[in-house]
Amino acid sequence: MSGTDRRRHPGRRGPAQPQYDTGRPATAVQPRGPAHHGAPDGLRAIGKNKFLQAENGNAARMGGRLALVTVDPKTNMATIKTLKDGMQATPATTATKGMAWVVEGKQDYRNGKNKGQDPTPFKLYAVKLP
């Protein structure tokens, strides 16, 4: 959310407030694996030390990607595995019953070079989790 928490403070700008305190300071995680295609956008916890990450692409950047991020708590290294790429933009993801679901956004049709054009249908992709 880029430093804002609009869910609890609609329209408010400024630092996000932690939802709960673990009693431990935050630790930087070092990624390893394929470089980001675009900008990380949606992040969803799907188990202990595992996350789904939706990376947003648009006309200026490579297309969107869905990645599985696995964090090793002993080394703070995050292994990134691409599950699906080549989508137009992927602002959100979730998972249920062994499947990841990722939505393809159409931000470039609201702002940017495609503004005012027909955005064509939105797509929702099902991706089997490893």
Protein backbone atom coordinates (compact mmCIF):
# COMPACT_ATOMS: atom_id res chain seq x y z
CA MET A 1 0.00 0.00 0.00
CA SER A 2 3.02 2.25 -0.42
CA GLY A 3 3.08 3.66 3.07
CA THR A 4 -0.65 4.10 3.48
CA ASP A 5 -3.36 1.97 5.01
CA ARG A 6 -6.55 2.90 3.20
CA ARG A 7 -8.52 -0.03 4.64
CA ARG A 8 -8.60 1.48 8.10
CA HIS A 9 -8.18 5.12 7.13
CA PRO A 10 -9.94 5.77 3.78
CA GLY A 11 -8.42 8.73 1.95
CA ARG A 12 -5.73 9.23 4.60
CA ARG A 13 -2.12 9.52 3.51
CA GLY A 14 0.82 8.79 5.75
CA PRO A 15 2.61 5.89 7.38
CA ALA A 16 0.69 2.65 7.79
CA GLN A 17 0.08 1.65 11.37
CA PRO A 18 0.95 -1.93 12.37
CA GLN A 19 -2.12 -4.11 12.81
CA TYR A 20 -0.51 -5.97 15.71
CA ASP A 21 2.77 -6.04 17.59
CA THR A 22 4.84 -9.24 17.60
CA GLY A 23 7.22 -7.85 20.19
CA ARG A 24 10.12 -8.26 17.73
CA PRO A 25 11.61 -5.73 15.34
CA ALA A 26 11.03 -6.18 11.62
CA THR A 27 13.77 -8.00 9.73
CA ALA A 28 14.86 -7.25 6.17
CA VAL A 29 14.40 -10.22 3.83
CA GLN A 30 16.88 -10.72 0.97
CA PRO A 31 15.25 -12.00 -2.24
CA ARG A 32 16.86 -14.56 -4.53
CA GLY A 33 15.38 -15.84 -7.76
CA PRO A 34 14.05 -14.21 -10.91
CA ALA A 35 14.14 -10.42 -10.89
CA HIS A 36 10.87 -8.56 -10.51
CA HIS A 37 8.95 -8.08 -13.74
CA GLY A 38 7.20 -4.98 -12.50
CA ALA A 39 6.31 -3.58 -9.11
CA PRO A 40 5.27 -5.96 -6.32
CA ASP A 41 1.63 -5.15 -5.65
CA GLY A 42 -0.44 -7.82 -3.88
CA LEU A 43 1.03 -10.03 -1.16
CA ARG A 44 -0.96 -12.86 0.44
CA ALA A 45 0.23 -15.18 3.23
CA ILE A 46 -0.61 -18.79 2.31
CA GLY A 47 1.18 -20.73 5.03
CA LYS A 48 4.11 -20.61 7.39
CA ASN A 49 6.83 -18.56 5.67
CA LYS A 50 5.05 -18.72 2.27
CA PHE A 51 3.46 -15.88 0.34
CA LEU A 52 1.87 -15.30 -3.05
CA GLN A 53 3.07 -12.11 -4.67
CA ALA A 54 1.27 -10.38 -7.52
CA GLU A 55 3.61 -8.13 -9.50
CA ASN A 56 1.99 -5.36 -11.45
CA GLY A 57 3.06 -4.74 -15.03
CA ASN A 58 1.79 -2.07 -17.38
CA ALA A 59 2.60 -0.49 -20.73
CA ALA A 60 5.84 0.98 -19.36
CA ARG A 61 7.01 -2.24 -17.65
CA MET A 62 6.96 -5.93 -18.48
CA GLY A 63 3.69 -7.76 -17.90
CA GLY A 64 2.41 -8.94 -14.56
CA ARG A 65 3.62 -12.04 -12.75
CA LEU A 66 2.40 -14.31 -9.96
CA ALA A 67 5.22 -15.60 -7.77
CA LEU A 68 5.56 -17.91 -4.79
CA VAL A 69 7.83 -16.38 -2.14
CA THR A 70 9.25 -18.75 0.48
CA VAL A 71 11.18 -17.20 3.36
CA ASP A 72 13.85 -19.16 5.23
CA PRO A 73 13.56 -17.78 8.80
CA LYS A 74 17.10 -18.89 9.68
CA THR A 75 18.81 -16.93 6.89
CA ASN A 76 16.12 -14.30 6.06
CA MET A 77 16.50 -15.30 2.39
CA ALA A 78 13.38 -15.31 0.24
CA THR A 79 13.27 -17.75 -2.67
CA ILE A 80 11.07 -16.47 -5.51
CA LYS A 81 9.50 -18.94 -7.93
CA THR A 82 7.45 -17.72 -10.90
CA LEU A 83 4.09 -19.49 -11.10
CA LYS A 84 2.61 -17.52 -14.03
CA ASP A 85 3.78 -14.51 -16.01
CA GLY A 86 2.90 -12.54 -19.12
CA MET A 87 -0.35 -11.13 -17.72
CA GLN A 88 -1.29 -7.53 -18.40
CA ALA A 89 -1.23 -6.38 -14.77
CA THR A 90 -1.75 -8.33 -11.57
CA PRO A 91 -2.81 -6.14 -8.63
CA ALA A 92 -4.21 -8.90 -6.40
CA THR A 93 -4.04 -12.59 -5.57
CA THR A 94 -5.53 -15.13 -3.18
CA ALA A 95 -5.47 -18.88 -2.69
CA THR A 96 -7.88 -21.66 -1.79
CA LYS A 97 -7.91 -25.46 -2.05
CA GLY A 98 -4.49 -25.76 -3.69
CA MET A 99 -5.12 -23.07 -6.30
CA ALA A 100 -3.87 -19.51 -6.55
CA TRP A 101 -6.23 -17.01 -8.12
CA VAL A 102 -4.86 -13.86 -9.71
CA VAL A 103 -6.83 -11.07 -11.34
CA GLU A 104 -5.63 -9.16 -14.38
CA GLY A 105 -6.14 -5.42 -13.87
CA LYS A 106 -6.80 -2.73 -16.44
CA GLN A 107 -5.19 0.34 -14.85
CA ASP A 108 -3.72 1.55 -18.15
CA TYR A 109 -7.25 2.00 -19.48
CA ARG A 110 -8.15 4.41 -16.70
CA ASN A 111 -4.85 6.29 -16.76
CA GLY A 112 -2.08 6.26 -19.32
CA LYS A 113 -1.76 5.59 -23.01
CA ASN A 114 -4.90 3.41 -23.27
CA LYS A 115 -7.20 5.90 -21.50
CA GLY A 116 -10.63 6.00 -23.10
CA GLN A 117 -10.17 2.77 -25.11
CA ASP A 118 -12.18 -0.42 -24.61
CA PRO A 119 -10.36 -2.37 -21.87
CA THR A 120 -11.68 -5.74 -23.09
CA PRO A 121 -12.90 -8.24 -20.48
CA PHE A 122 -11.14 -8.61 -17.15
CA LYS A 123 -9.55 -12.02 -16.62
CA LEU A 124 -9.18 -14.17 -13.51
CA TYR A 125 -6.56 -16.92 -13.73
CA ALA A 126 -6.43 -20.15 -11.71
CA VAL A 127 -2.90 -21.41 -11.08
CA LYS A 128 -2.19 -24.74 -9.38
CA LEU A 129 0.06 -24.31 -6.34
CA PRO A 130 3.18 -26.52 -6.16
